[in-house]
Amino acid sequence: MPTPTEIRLRLAEKRLEVDFDDGSRFSYPAELLRVESPSAEVQGHSPEERKTVAGRRHVGIVAVEPVGNYAVRLVFDDGHNTGIYAWDYLHRLGREQEQRWQDYLNALAAKGLSRDAGAMG
């Protein structure tokens, strides 16, 4: 499994950039990382419990904390900090970014939710 060679937090752009040792490079919007958090709070304990997180268009990342040599914990400015992003999850998220983003937008639309905080529909 590829491992990161460099991780850069772009505060102003609200992005996390990761270079992997297989040559792949991904730039993740904070919003995508937040709504795809691997935490039980978002993913639940089964596919049926997975939550669609709305209202995170302007979320930012305030800290990237190492977890051993296999993952990072991301701390978001909305207080969420329980997701542990293992290297394989980050790599897969990078590869599947476009499809996951579209799935997220579709889920919001299907549930009448918005990317904007406090907005309906």
C-alpha atoms as a PDB file:
ATOM      1  CA  MET A   1       0.000   0.000   0.000  1.00  0.00           C
ATOM      2  CA  PRO A   2       1.370   3.428  -0.862  1.00  0.00           C
ATOM      3  CA  THR A   3       2.513   5.637   1.994  1.00  0.00           C
ATOM      4  CA  PRO A   4       2.781   9.431   2.033  1.00  0.00           C
ATOM      5  CA  THR A   5       6.121  11.076   1.345  1.00  0.00           C
ATOM      6  CA  GLU A   6       4.758  14.563   2.017  1.00  0.00           C
ATOM      7  CA  ILE A   7       1.592  16.017   3.553  1.00  0.00           C
ATOM      8  CA  ARG A   8       0.804  19.719   3.193  1.00  0.00           C
ATOM      9  CA  LEU A   9      -2.046  21.573   4.855  1.00  0.00           C
ATOM     10  CA  ARG A  10      -3.157  24.545   2.763  1.00  0.00           C
ATOM     11  CA  LEU A  11      -5.089  26.587   5.313  1.00  0.00           C
ATOM     12  CA  ALA A  12      -6.135  29.441   3.022  1.00  0.00           C
ATOM     13  CA  GLU A  13      -7.309  27.046   0.294  1.00  0.00           C
ATOM     14  CA  LYS A  14      -8.918  24.665   2.814  1.00  0.00           C
ATOM     15  CA  ARG A  15      -7.134  21.724   1.203  1.00  0.00           C
ATOM     16  CA  LEU A  16      -4.875  18.868   2.218  1.00  0.00           C
ATOM     17  CA  GLU A  17      -2.259  17.783  -0.315  1.00  0.00           C
ATOM     18  CA  VAL A  18      -0.638  14.376  -0.096  1.00  0.00           C
ATOM     19  CA  ASP A  19       2.193  12.934  -2.180  1.00  0.00           C
ATOM     20  CA  PHE A  20       2.538   9.137  -2.068  1.00  0.00           C
ATOM     21  CA  ASP A  21       5.593   6.967  -2.649  1.00  0.00           C
ATOM     22  CA  ASP A  22       3.949   5.384  -5.725  1.00  0.00           C
ATOM     23  CA  GLY A  23       4.127   8.778  -7.465  1.00  0.00           C
ATOM     24  CA  SER A  24       0.466   9.654  -6.987  1.00  0.00           C
ATOM     25  CA  ARG A  25      -0.467  13.098  -5.666  1.00  0.00           C
ATOM     26  CA  PHE A  26      -3.857  14.155  -4.410  1.00  0.00           C
ATOM     27  CA  SER A  27      -5.337  17.475  -3.344  1.00  0.00           C
ATOM     28  CA  TYR A  28      -8.372  17.004  -1.115  1.00  0.00           C
ATOM     29  CA  PRO A  29     -10.888  19.731  -0.305  1.00  0.00           C
ATOM     30  CA  ALA A  30     -11.479  19.917   3.466  1.00  0.00           C
ATOM     31  CA  GLU A  31     -15.204  19.557   2.826  1.00  0.00           C
ATOM     32  CA  LEU A  32     -14.727  16.183   1.129  1.00  0.00           C
ATOM     33  CA  LEU A  33     -12.438  14.939   3.914  1.00  0.00           C
ATOM     34  CA  ARG A  34     -15.002  16.049   6.506  1.00  0.00           C
ATOM     35  CA  VAL A  35     -18.040  14.452   4.874  1.00  0.00           C
ATOM     36  CA  GLU A  36     -16.067  11.258   4.097  1.00  0.00           C
ATOM     37  CA  SER A  37     -14.577  11.039   7.600  1.00  0.00           C
ATOM     38  CA  PRO A  38     -13.835   7.432   8.537  1.00  0.00           C
ATOM     39  CA  SER A  39     -15.229   8.114  12.037  1.00  0.00           C
ATOM     40  CA  ALA A  40     -18.101   6.090  13.450  1.00  0.00           C
ATOM     41  CA  GLU A  41     -19.958   9.405  13.830  1.00  0.00           C
ATOM     42  CA  VAL A  42     -20.129   9.676  10.015  1.00  0.00           C
ATOM     43  CA  GLN A  43     -19.770   6.084   8.810  1.00  0.00           C
ATOM     44  CA  GLY A  44     -21.860   4.471  11.541  1.00  0.00           C
ATOM     45  CA  HIS A  45     -21.323   0.833  12.438  1.00  0.00           C
ATOM     46  CA  SER A  46     -22.992  -0.482   9.279  1.00  0.00           C
ATOM     47  CA  PRO A  47     -23.770   0.884   5.810  1.00  0.00           C
ATOM     48  CA  GLU A  48     -27.355   1.579   6.908  1.00  0.00           C
ATOM     49  CA  GLU A  49     -26.081   3.904   9.671  1.00  0.00           C
ATOM     50  CA  ARG A  50     -23.928   6.044   7.359  1.00  0.00           C
ATOM     51  CA  LYS A  51     -24.777   9.725   7.694  1.00  0.00           C
ATOM     52  CA  THR A  52     -24.939  12.352   4.975  1.00  0.00           C
ATOM     53  CA  VAL A  53     -23.185  15.361   6.513  1.00  0.00           C
ATOM     54  CA  ALA A  54     -24.647  18.636   5.267  1.00  0.00           C
ATOM     55  CA  GLY A  55     -23.649  22.266   5.729  1.00  0.00           C
ATOM     56  CA  ARG A  56     -19.888  21.870   5.440  1.00  0.00           C
ATOM     57  CA  ARG A  57     -19.099  23.965   2.348  1.00  0.00           C
ATOM     58  CA  HIS A  58     -16.801  26.296   4.304  1.00  0.00           C
ATOM     59  CA  VAL A  59     -15.252  23.811   6.752  1.00  0.00           C
ATOM     60  CA  GLY A  60     -11.504  24.006   7.225  1.00  0.00           C
ATOM     61  CA  ILE A  61      -8.802  21.825   8.714  1.00  0.00           C
ATOM     62  CA  VAL A  62      -7.006  23.333  11.705  1.00  0.00           C
ATOM     63  CA  ALA A  63      -4.568  20.497  12.486  1.00  0.00           C
ATOM     64  CA  VAL A  64      -3.071  17.322  11.069  1.00  0.00           C
ATOM     65  CA  GLU A  65      -1.898  14.995  13.840  1.00  0.00           C
ATOM     66  CA  PRO A  66       0.177  11.867  13.201  1.00  0.00           C
ATOM     67  CA  VAL A  67      -1.222   8.566  14.445  1.00  0.00           C
ATOM     68  CA  GLY A  68       1.655   6.108  14.655  1.00  0.00           C
ATOM     69  CA  ASN A  69       3.201   5.567  11.246  1.00  0.00           C
ATOM     70  CA  TYR A  70      -0.020   4.503   9.533  1.00  0.00           C
ATOM     71  CA  ALA A  71      -2.458   7.434   9.662  1.00  0.00           C
ATOM     72  CA  VAL A  72      -3.319  11.024  10.559  1.00  0.00           C
ATOM     73  CA  ARG A  73      -6.110  12.512  12.618  1.00  0.00           C
ATOM     74  CA  LEU A  74      -7.634  15.603  11.044  1.00  0.00           C
ATOM     75  CA  VAL A  75      -9.042  18.323  13.276  1.00  0.00           C
ATOM     76  CA  PHE A  76     -11.719  20.413  11.570  1.00  0.00           C
ATOM     77  CA  ASP A  77     -12.827  23.903  12.528  1.00  0.00           C
ATOM     78  CA  ASP A  78     -16.373  22.627  13.168  1.00  0.00           C
ATOM     79  CA  GLY A  79     -15.001  20.596  16.098  1.00  0.00           C
ATOM     80  CA  HIS A  80     -14.939  17.198  14.376  1.00  0.00           C
ATOM     81  CA  ASN A  81     -11.723  15.360  15.292  1.00  0.00           C
ATOM     82  CA  THR A  82     -12.534  11.667  15.639  1.00  0.00           C
ATOM     83  CA  GLY A  83     -11.642  10.429  12.154  1.00  0.00           C
ATOM     84  CA  ILE A  84      -8.404   8.477  11.762  1.00  0.00           C
ATOM     85  CA  TYR A  85      -7.350   8.666   8.095  1.00  0.00           C
ATOM     86  CA  ALA A  86      -5.173   5.629   7.414  1.00  0.00           C
ATOM     87  CA  TRP A  87      -2.817   5.853   4.431  1.00  0.00           C
ATOM     88  CA  ASP A  88      -4.820   3.297   2.433  1.00  0.00           C
ATOM     89  CA  TYR A  89      -8.055   5.218   3.078  1.00  0.00           C
ATOM     90  CA  LEU A  90      -6.477   8.518   1.991  1.00  0.00           C
ATOM     91  CA  HIS A  91      -5.069   6.892  -1.147  1.00  0.00           C
ATOM     92  CA  ARG A  92      -8.417   5.290  -2.021  1.00  0.00           C
ATOM     93  CA  LEU A  93     -10.235   8.570  -1.329  1.00  0.00           C
ATOM     94  CA  GLY A  94      -7.837  10.332  -3.687  1.00  0.00           C
ATOM     95  CA  ARG A  95      -8.397   7.782  -6.448  1.00  0.00           C
ATOM     96  CA  GLU A  96     -12.177   7.846  -5.977  1.00  0.00           C
ATOM     97  CA  GLN A  97     -12.472  11.570  -5.270  1.00  0.00           C
ATOM     98  CA  GLU A  98     -14.544  12.510  -8.307  1.00  0.00           C
ATOM     99  CA  GLN A  99     -17.067   9.679  -7.868  1.00  0.00           C
ATOM    100  CA  ARG A 100     -17.341  10.158  -4.101  1.00  0.00           C
ATOM    101  CA  TRP A 101     -17.958  13.890  -4.583  1.00  0.00           C
ATOM    102  CA  GLN A 102     -20.747  13.207  -7.071  1.00  0.00           C
ATOM    103  CA  ASP A 103     -22.251  10.562  -4.758  1.00  0.00           C
ATOM    104  CA  TYR A 104     -22.175  13.121  -1.926  1.00  0.00           C
ATOM    105  CA  LEU A 105     -23.913  15.783  -4.029  1.00  0.00           C
ATOM    106  CA  ASN A 106     -26.517  13.220  -5.113  1.00  0.00           C
ATOM    107  CA  ALA A 107     -27.146  12.152  -1.494  1.00  0.00           C
ATOM    108  CA  LEU A 108     -27.609  15.779  -0.410  1.00  0.00           C
ATOM    109  CA  ALA A 109     -30.076  16.381  -3.229  1.00  0.00           C
ATOM    110  CA  ALA A 110     -32.002  13.186  -2.506  1.00  0.00           C
ATOM    111  CA  LYS A 111     -32.385  14.188   1.155  1.00  0.00           C
ATOM    112  CA  GLY A 112     -33.174  17.846   0.470  1.00  0.00           C
ATOM    113  CA  LEU A 113     -29.963  18.955   2.197  1.00  0.00           C
ATOM    114  CA  SER A 114     -27.446  21.686   1.323  1.00  0.00           C
ATOM    115  CA  ARG A 115     -23.695  22.153   1.468  1.00  0.00           C
ATOM    116  CA  ASP A 116     -24.342  25.485   3.213  1.00  0.00           C
ATOM    117  CA  ALA A 117     -24.761  25.645   6.985  1.00  0.00           C
ATOM    118  CA  GLY A 118     -28.302  26.422   8.053  1.00  0.00           C
ATOM    119  CA  ALA A 119     -29.668  26.209   4.499  1.00  0.00           C
ATOM    120  CA  MET A 120     -32.492  23.920   3.529  1.00  0.00           C
ATOM    121  CA  GLY A 121     -32.865  22.364   0.108  1.00  0.00           C
END
